[in-house]
């Protein structure tokens, strides 16, 4: 039986994926085989010796010690795209909020309470201060064409916007889903300089940290509306404030409030509501659970942030999983060790991702503890499992 620990409340839709006869599921558990997590901070958590996998019900994994997990051969999963529709809907809403001053207008209308029959006249007299442009016919620049970016681009087209996108690393699946009516920018600078609205949908990492900075603000169209539903650190706040002050940016909408952003006239700070829908939470939980189950029961990997995607139809009596360094002669050492015990390999799959290799062997017969220990003793082998 697998021991599965939940560090946050996980939707029952996801937990129902696990057969009760095969899984012991609890929030408090010693030495679990696997962990399901949402936002709980695992960075200082002890990773106990039996831990094989961690699944994050969400896209971001900055609450998980990825390097430490990789070193120990622990596979870390996330759920890209599971909350894409929820984020997309909030982005579309924010396009309108950034243009029409709806939010400020509603706040102002509330101040008219108590004026009785004069309210209608006051509304007609004061409404002009909240006017703003329509989005139809304006150009939307989408930076990053992953699951969310593609949805935003396609829906913005349906709203009558002219859409241009930039993503030098667009996946084949995303390219298939993207409307042919979306213009392709040849550079980030081209997209930035020609767009009336900009929306950011790239992952936060060293190469993208602070990517929206003074250099890009200097080439933006005057009065651009900037939306950030990816990560706060992608925008350099100091440079943003200057752009707001000189009216380069007419409005900044972000799902990542910080103390210095709150209270600013041209900033709409949303309290990280992008994925806060019941549908999104269920989708993330289901996706994380299925990926975890497939790994624990079959050794398959999909949507891991530190190991390669790997899937092999089962064909032998036993399945052997080996996580190892991606170095010369590693594969030869593993296969020769198995062969030295006169064990026949019926089928196999070997994949690598950067410095990590992952190999699945389907063998005929059984595998003794002695063989498993021999495999574990090979320098560079990080994990061995027998299923």
Protein backbone atom coordinates (compact mmCIF):
# COMPACT_ATOMS: atom_id res chain seq x y z
CA UNK A 1 0.00 0.00 0.00
CA UNK A 2 1.25 3.48 -0.90
CA UNK A 3 1.36 6.14 1.81
CA UNK A 4 0.16 9.47 0.43
CA UNK A 5 0.43 12.69 2.45
CA UNK A 6 -1.61 15.83 1.70
CA UNK A 7 -0.06 19.09 2.90
CA UNK A 8 -3.08 21.20 1.91
CA UNK A 9 -6.76 20.55 1.44
CA UNK A 10 -7.01 18.69 -1.87
CA UNK A 11 -10.30 18.47 -3.75
CA UNK A 12 -12.08 15.13 -3.27
CA UNK A 13 -12.34 14.95 -7.06
CA UNK A 14 -8.59 14.38 -7.11
CA UNK A 15 -8.36 12.11 -4.08
CA UNK A 16 -11.07 9.84 -5.49
CA UNK A 17 -8.56 8.86 -8.21
CA UNK A 18 -6.70 6.73 -5.66
CA UNK A 19 -8.14 3.29 -4.91
CA UNK A 20 -8.70 2.89 -1.19
CA UNK A 21 -7.27 -0.63 -1.28
CA UNK A 22 -3.95 0.69 -2.61
CA UNK A 23 -3.51 4.02 -0.81
CA UNK A 24 -3.37 5.26 2.76
CA UNK A 25 -4.10 9.01 2.56
CA UNK A 26 -3.64 11.44 5.47
CA UNK A 27 -2.46 14.97 6.23
CA UNK A 28 -0.17 13.75 9.03
CA UNK A 29 2.10 10.88 8.05
CA UNK A 30 5.57 9.51 8.71
CA UNK A 31 7.82 8.60 5.77
CA UNK A 32 5.24 8.87 2.95
CA UNK A 33 5.75 7.48 -0.54
CA UNK A 34 4.32 10.63 -2.09
CA UNK A 35 3.08 14.13 -1.22
CA UNK A 36 0.24 16.16 -2.74
CA UNK A 37 0.63 19.89 -2.12
CA UNK A 38 -0.82 23.23 -3.17
CA UNK A 39 0.75 26.27 -1.47
CA UNK A 40 2.38 24.77 1.64
CA UNK A 41 6.04 25.76 2.00
CA UNK A 42 8.24 22.66 1.67
CA UNK A 43 11.57 24.48 1.28
CA UNK A 44 12.78 23.63 4.79
CA UNK A 45 10.87 20.36 5.09
CA UNK A 46 12.79 17.13 5.67
CA UNK A 47 12.45 14.85 2.65
CA UNK A 48 12.22 11.42 4.26
CA UNK A 49 13.90 8.39 2.77
CA UNK A 50 10.84 6.69 1.31
CA UNK A 51 9.61 9.76 -0.59
CA UNK A 52 9.35 9.07 -4.32
CA UNK A 53 7.29 11.93 -5.72
CA UNK A 54 5.69 15.30 -5.01
CA UNK A 55 2.76 16.61 -7.03
CA UNK A 56 1.86 20.31 -6.92
CA UNK A 57 -1.81 21.01 -7.68
CA UNK A 58 -0.92 24.16 -9.60
CA UNK A 59 1.68 25.45 -12.03
CA UNK A 60 4.20 27.25 -9.79
CA UNK A 61 6.67 25.12 -7.81
CA UNK A 62 8.63 27.81 -5.94
CA UNK A 63 7.40 26.29 -2.65
CA UNK A 64 9.20 23.00 -3.39
CA UNK A 65 13.00 22.41 -3.11
CA UNK A 66 13.49 21.21 -6.69
CA UNK A 67 17.29 20.81 -6.59
CA UNK A 68 17.15 18.80 -3.37
CA UNK A 69 14.43 16.57 -4.82
CA UNK A 70 16.40 15.96 -8.01
CA UNK A 71 19.50 15.03 -6.02
CA UNK A 72 17.47 12.41 -4.13
CA UNK A 73 15.71 11.09 -7.25
CA UNK A 74 12.33 12.49 -6.18
CA UNK A 75 10.09 13.32 -9.13
CA UNK A 76 8.25 16.66 -8.87
CA UNK A 77 5.06 17.17 -10.88
CA UNK A 78 3.00 20.27 -11.56
CA UNK A 79 -0.25 20.84 -13.45
CA UNK A 80 0.35 23.27 -16.33
CA UNK A 81 -2.86 24.33 -18.04
CA UNK A 82 -5.22 22.97 -15.40
CA UNK A 83 -6.08 26.47 -14.20
CA UNK A 84 -5.59 28.15 -17.58
CA UNK A 85 -9.24 28.94 -18.23
CA UNK A 86 -9.70 30.50 -14.80
CA UNK A 87 -6.70 32.80 -15.31
CA UNK A 88 -7.77 33.59 -18.88
CA UNK A 89 -11.21 34.76 -17.74
CA UNK A 90 -9.66 37.14 -15.20
CA UNK A 91 -7.27 38.50 -17.84
CA UNK A 92 -10.18 39.21 -20.20
CA UNK A 93 -12.06 40.94 -17.38
CA UNK A 94 -8.94 42.99 -16.62
CA UNK A 95 -8.65 44.20 -20.20
CA UNK A 96 -11.99 45.91 -19.65
CA UNK A 97 -11.16 47.07 -16.13
CA UNK A 98 -7.93 48.68 -17.35
CA UNK A 99 -9.76 50.60 -20.10
CA UNK A 100 -13.11 51.77 -18.81
CA UNK A 101 -12.29 52.81 -15.22
CA UNK A 102 -15.14 50.57 -14.11
CA UNK A 103 -13.62 49.93 -10.69
CA UNK A 104 -13.13 53.62 -9.85
CA UNK A 105 -16.59 54.45 -11.21
CA UNK A 106 -18.23 51.91 -8.92
CA UNK A 107 -16.29 53.25 -5.94
CA UNK A 108 -17.35 56.82 -6.77
CA UNK A 109 -21.01 55.85 -7.20
CA UNK A 110 -21.03 54.47 -3.66
CA UNK A 111 -20.06 57.91 -2.32
CA UNK A 112 -23.32 59.36 -3.65
CA UNK A 113 -25.36 57.46 -1.10
CA UNK A 114 -27.68 59.76 0.86
CA UNK A 115 -28.28 62.32 -1.90
CA UNK A 116 -31.79 61.05 -2.58
CA UNK A 117 -33.35 62.21 -5.83
CA UNK A 118 -30.17 64.10 -6.77
CA UNK A 119 -28.21 60.88 -7.38
CA UNK A 120 -29.29 60.51 -11.02
CA UNK A 121 -28.25 64.09 -11.84
CA UNK A 122 -24.92 63.67 -10.03
CA UNK A 123 -24.26 60.45 -11.96
CA UNK A 124 -24.88 62.13 -15.31
CA UNK A 125 -22.70 65.09 -14.36
CA UNK A 126 -19.80 63.07 -12.95
CA UNK A 127 -19.62 60.02 -15.19
CA UNK A 128 -17.32 61.62 -17.78
CA UNK A 129 -14.35 61.35 -15.42
CA UNK A 130 -14.51 57.57 -15.79
CA UNK A 131 -14.71 57.27 -19.55
CA UNK A 132 -12.17 55.10 -21.36
CA UNK A 133 -11.54 53.48 -24.74
CA UNK A 134 -13.14 50.33 -26.09
CA UNK A 135 -10.87 47.35 -26.65
CA UNK A 136 -12.35 46.45 -30.04
CA UNK A 137 -9.91 47.28 -32.82
CA UNK A 138 -6.99 47.81 -30.43
CA UNK A 139 -3.83 45.73 -30.53
CA UNK A 140 -3.14 43.25 -27.73
CA UNK A 141 0.42 41.99 -27.34
CA UNK A 142 0.63 38.56 -25.68
CA UNK A 143 4.06 37.81 -24.22
CA UNK A 144 4.28 34.02 -23.82
CA UNK A 145 2.08 31.58 -25.70
CA UNK A 146 1.64 28.70 -23.30
CA UNK A 147 -1.75 27.35 -22.24
CA UNK A 148 -2.96 30.66 -20.78
CA UNK A 149 -1.43 32.93 -23.40
CA UNK A 150 -3.00 30.97 -26.25
CA UNK A 151 -6.46 31.11 -24.62
CA UNK A 152 -6.15 34.86 -24.02
CA UNK A 153 -5.01 35.47 -27.60
CA UNK A 154 -7.84 33.44 -29.13
CA UNK A 155 -10.56 35.00 -26.96
CA UNK A 156 -9.24 38.52 -27.54
CA UNK A 157 -9.64 37.91 -31.27
CA UNK A 158 -13.27 37.00 -30.63
CA UNK A 159 -13.70 40.35 -28.89
CA UNK A 160 -12.51 42.14 -32.01
CA UNK A 161 -8.97 42.91 -30.93
CA UNK A 162 -5.94 42.77 -33.21
CA UNK A 163 -3.62 40.26 -31.50
CA UNK A 164 0.13 39.82 -31.80
CA UNK A 165 2.08 37.18 -29.88
CA UNK A 166 5.70 36.47 -29.03
CA UNK A 167 7.14 33.21 -27.77
CA UNK A 168 10.41 31.84 -29.20
CA UNK A 169 9.85 28.57 -27.31
CA UNK A 170 6.22 27.89 -28.24
CA UNK A 171 5.34 24.19 -27.99
CA UNK A 172 3.85 22.16 -30.82
CA UNK A 173 0.60 21.69 -28.89
CA UNK A 174 0.29 25.43 -28.22
CA UNK A 175 1.00 26.21 -31.87
CA UNK A 176 -1.81 23.87 -32.93
CA UNK A 177 -4.25 25.57 -30.54
CA UNK A 178 -3.30 29.14 -31.48
CA UNK A 179 -5.54 30.86 -34.04
CA UNK A 180 -3.90 31.53 -37.39
CA UNK A 181 -5.22 35.09 -37.09
CA UNK A 182 -2.73 35.91 -34.32
CA UNK A 183 0.21 37.86 -35.76
CA UNK A 184 3.69 36.54 -34.98
CA UNK A 185 6.14 39.06 -33.57
CA UNK A 186 9.72 38.54 -34.67
CA UNK A 187 11.04 40.09 -31.46
CA UNK A 188 9.83 41.17 -28.05
CA UNK A 189 10.70 44.75 -28.96
CA UNK A 190 8.44 44.63 -32.02
CA UNK A 191 5.52 43.40 -29.92
CA UNK A 192 6.13 45.92 -27.14
CA UNK A 193 6.40 48.93 -29.43
CA UNK A 194 3.22 48.24 -31.44
CA UNK A 195 0.73 47.17 -28.77
CA UNK A 196 -2.01 49.18 -27.06
CA UNK A 197 -2.41 46.49 -24.41
CA UNK A 198 0.22 44.07 -23.10
CA UNK A 199 -0.33 40.87 -21.14
CA UNK A 200 2.47 38.75 -19.66
CA UNK A 201 2.30 34.94 -19.57
CA UNK A 202 5.85 33.66 -19.10
CA UNK A 203 7.31 31.57 -16.25
CA UNK A 204 9.32 33.31 -13.55
CA UNK A 205 12.98 32.23 -13.59
CA UNK A 206 16.43 33.77 -13.67
CA UNK A 207 16.22 34.53 -17.39
CA UNK A 208 12.84 36.31 -17.10
CA UNK A 209 13.24 38.08 -13.75
CA UNK A 210 12.72 41.81 -14.28
CA UNK A 211 12.22 41.36 -18.03
CA UNK A 212 9.74 44.28 -18.18
CA UNK A 213 12.14 47.09 -17.33
CA UNK A 214 13.10 50.64 -18.26
CA UNK A 215 14.46 49.62 -21.66
CA UNK A 216 11.09 48.17 -22.67
CA UNK A 217 9.03 50.91 -21.02
CA UNK A 218 10.98 53.40 -23.15
CA UNK A 219 9.69 51.83 -26.40
CA UNK A 220 6.07 51.27 -25.30
CA UNK A 221 3.26 53.25 -26.90
CA UNK A 222 2.05 56.18 -24.81
CA UNK A 223 -0.93 55.14 -22.71
CA UNK A 224 -0.41 51.38 -22.89
CA UNK A 225 -2.34 49.14 -20.50
CA UNK A 226 -0.10 46.49 -18.90
CA UNK A 227 -1.48 43.26 -17.40
CA UNK A 228 0.59 40.85 -15.29
CA UNK A 229 -0.99 37.55 -14.30
CA UNK A 230 2.24 35.56 -14.42
CA UNK A 231 4.51 36.65 -11.51
CA UNK A 232 5.19 39.96 -9.81
CA UNK A 233 8.98 39.75 -10.20
CA UNK A 234 8.73 39.87 -13.98
CA UNK A 235 8.20 43.65 -13.78
CA UNK A 236 10.76 46.03 -12.26
CA UNK A 237 8.55 48.14 -9.98
CA UNK A 238 10.92 51.09 -9.83
CA UNK A 239 10.83 51.39 -13.63
CA UNK A 240 7.06 50.81 -13.64
CA UNK A 241 6.48 53.74 -11.26
CA UNK A 242 8.40 56.03 -13.60
CA UNK A 243 6.33 54.78 -16.55
CA UNK A 244 3.11 55.42 -14.63
CA UNK A 245 4.29 58.90 -13.65
CA UNK A 246 5.07 59.96 -17.23
CA UNK A 247 1.85 58.38 -18.57
CA UNK A 248 3.64 55.74 -20.65
CA UNK A 249 1.51 53.21 -18.75
CA UNK A 250 -2.10 54.31 -18.35
CA UNK A 251 -2.98 51.38 -16.10
CA UNK A 252 -1.17 48.41 -14.53
CA UNK A 253 -3.27 45.41 -13.51
CA UNK A 254 -1.55 42.72 -11.48
CA UNK A 255 -2.61 39.60 -9.62
CA UNK A 256 0.40 39.97 -7.31
CA UNK A 257 -0.05 42.89 -4.89
CA UNK A 258 2.88 44.23 -2.90
CA UNK A 259 2.99 47.02 -0.35
CA UNK A 260 4.58 49.47 -2.78
CA UNK A 261 1.88 48.84 -5.42
CA UNK A 262 -1.10 49.35 -3.13
CA UNK A 263 -2.78 52.75 -3.10
CA UNK A 264 -1.40 53.90 -6.45
CA UNK A 265 -3.93 55.68 -8.64
CA UNK A 266 -3.18 53.81 -11.87
CA UNK A 267 -2.66 50.36 -10.37
CA UNK A 268 -5.38 47.72 -9.98
CA UNK A 269 -4.05 45.13 -7.54
CA UNK A 270 -6.06 41.88 -7.52
CA UNK A 271 -5.42 39.52 -4.55
CA UNK A 272 -4.04 36.57 -6.54
CA UNK A 273 -7.45 35.38 -7.75
CA UNK A 274 -6.28 33.98 -11.10
CA UNK A 275 -6.87 30.33 -10.23
CA UNK A 276 -9.42 30.89 -7.47
CA UNK A 277 -12.37 29.02 -8.94
CA UNK A 278 -13.84 25.71 -7.81
CA UNK A 279 -13.40 24.37 -11.35
CA UNK A 280 -9.72 25.28 -11.36
CA UNK A 281 -9.06 23.66 -7.99
CA UNK A 282 -10.78 20.47 -9.14
CA UNK A 283 -8.88 20.42 -12.43
CA UNK A 284 -5.55 20.89 -10.68
CA UNK A 285 -6.31 18.24 -8.07
CA UNK A 286 -7.44 15.75 -10.70
CA UNK A 287 -4.43 16.33 -12.92
CA UNK A 288 -1.95 16.11 -10.05
CA UNK A 289 -3.58 12.94 -8.72
CA UNK A 290 -3.64 11.14 -12.08
CA UNK A 291 0.01 11.99 -12.73
CA UNK A 292 0.95 10.77 -9.26
CA UNK A 293 -1.00 7.53 -9.62
CA UNK A 294 0.54 6.79 -13.05
CA UNK A 295 4.00 7.28 -11.62
CA UNK A 296 3.54 5.25 -8.45
CA UNK A 297 1.77 2.34 -10.13
CA UNK A 298 3.42 2.31 -13.58
CA UNK A 299 6.53 4.46 -13.39
CA UNK A 300 5.19 6.88 -16.00
CA UNK A 301 6.18 10.55 -15.88
CA UNK A 302 4.19 13.43 -17.36
CA UNK A 303 4.51 17.12 -16.51
CA UNK A 304 7.50 16.77 -14.22
CA UNK A 305 9.61 19.87 -13.66
CA UNK A 306 12.81 17.92 -13.01
CA UNK A 307 12.52 14.58 -14.88
CA UNK A 308 11.80 13.75 -18.54
CA UNK A 309 8.38 12.64 -19.75
CA UNK A 310 8.47 8.84 -19.96
CA UNK A 311 5.81 6.26 -20.77
CA UNK A 312 6.14 2.59 -21.78
CA UNK A 313 3.38 0.03 -22.28
CA UNK A 314 3.97 -2.78 -19.81
CA UNK A 315 5.18 -6.08 -21.24
CA UNK A 316 7.13 -8.04 -18.61
CA UNK A 317 6.64 -9.74 -15.25
CA UNK A 318 8.26 -6.92 -13.28
CA UNK A 319 9.11 -3.30 -14.02
CA UNK A 320 12.36 -1.71 -12.85
CA UNK A 321 12.68 2.08 -12.63
CA UNK A 322 16.09 3.72 -12.39
CA UNK A 323 16.77 7.46 -12.01
CA UNK A 324 20.39 8.30 -12.68
CA UNK A 325 22.89 10.90 -13.82
CA UNK A 326 22.95 11.48 -17.56
CA UNK A 327 26.61 10.59 -18.09
CA UNK A 328 28.53 8.25 -20.45
CA UNK A 329 28.40 4.52 -19.70
CA UNK A 330 25.68 4.87 -17.08
CA UNK A 331 23.19 2.94 -19.18
CA UNK A 332 25.79 0.25 -19.89
CA UNK A 333 26.55 -0.23 -16.22
CA UNK A 334 22.87 -0.66 -15.38
CA UNK A 335 22.12 -3.15 -18.17
CA UNK A 336 25.28 -5.16 -17.56
CA UNK A 337 24.42 -5.42 -13.86
CA UNK A 338 20.98 -6.80 -14.70
CA UNK A 339 22.44 -9.16 -17.32
CA UNK A 340 25.06 -10.47 -14.84
CA UNK A 341 22.18 -12.05 -12.89
CA UNK A 342 20.91 -13.71 -16.07
CA UNK A 343 17.78 -11.54 -16.11
CA UNK A 344 16.25 -10.98 -19.54
CA UNK A 345 15.07 -7.47 -20.44
CA UNK A 346 11.89 -7.74 -22.49
CA UNK A 347 11.41 -4.04 -23.25
CA UNK A 348 12.89 -0.75 -22.12
CA UNK A 349 12.76 3.02 -22.42
CA UNK A 350 15.46 5.54 -21.57
CA UNK A 351 14.99 9.32 -21.52
CA UNK A 352 17.04 12.22 -20.22
CA UNK A 353 16.48 15.84 -19.26
CA UNK A 354 19.55 17.99 -18.82
CA UNK A 355 21.73 16.13 -16.32
CA UNK A 356 19.08 13.59 -15.27
CA UNK A 357 18.35 10.24 -16.90
CA UNK A 358 15.32 8.04 -16.35
CA UNK A 359 15.14 4.42 -17.51
CA UNK A 360 12.31 1.88 -17.43
CA UNK A 361 13.07 -1.86 -17.79
CA UNK A 362 10.41 -4.55 -18.18
CA UNK A 363 12.00 -7.86 -17.20
CA UNK A 364 11.03 -11.52 -17.27
CA UNK A 365 10.93 -13.20 -13.88
CA UNK A 366 11.67 -11.54 -10.56
CA UNK A 367 14.32 -9.22 -9.18
CA UNK A 368 16.01 -10.04 -5.88
CA UNK A 369 16.93 -7.50 -3.23
CA UNK A 370 20.58 -8.26 -4.01
CA UNK A 371 20.16 -7.03 -7.60
CA UNK A 372 18.34 -3.89 -6.44
CA UNK A 373 21.14 -3.11 -3.98
CA UNK A 374 23.75 -3.65 -6.72
CA UNK A 375 21.92 -1.18 -8.95
CA UNK A 376 21.69 1.36 -6.11
CA UNK A 377 25.43 1.03 -5.49
CA UNK A 378 26.31 2.22 -9.01
CA UNK A 379 27.80 5.71 -8.78
CA UNK A 380 25.32 8.20 -10.21
CA UNK A 381 22.19 6.13 -9.59
CA UNK A 382 19.74 8.22 -7.57
CA UNK A 383 16.71 5.95 -7.25
CA UNK A 384 15.71 2.36 -8.00
CA UNK A 385 12.15 1.05 -7.80
CA UNK A 386 10.61 -2.32 -8.62
CA UNK A 387 6.93 -2.33 -9.56
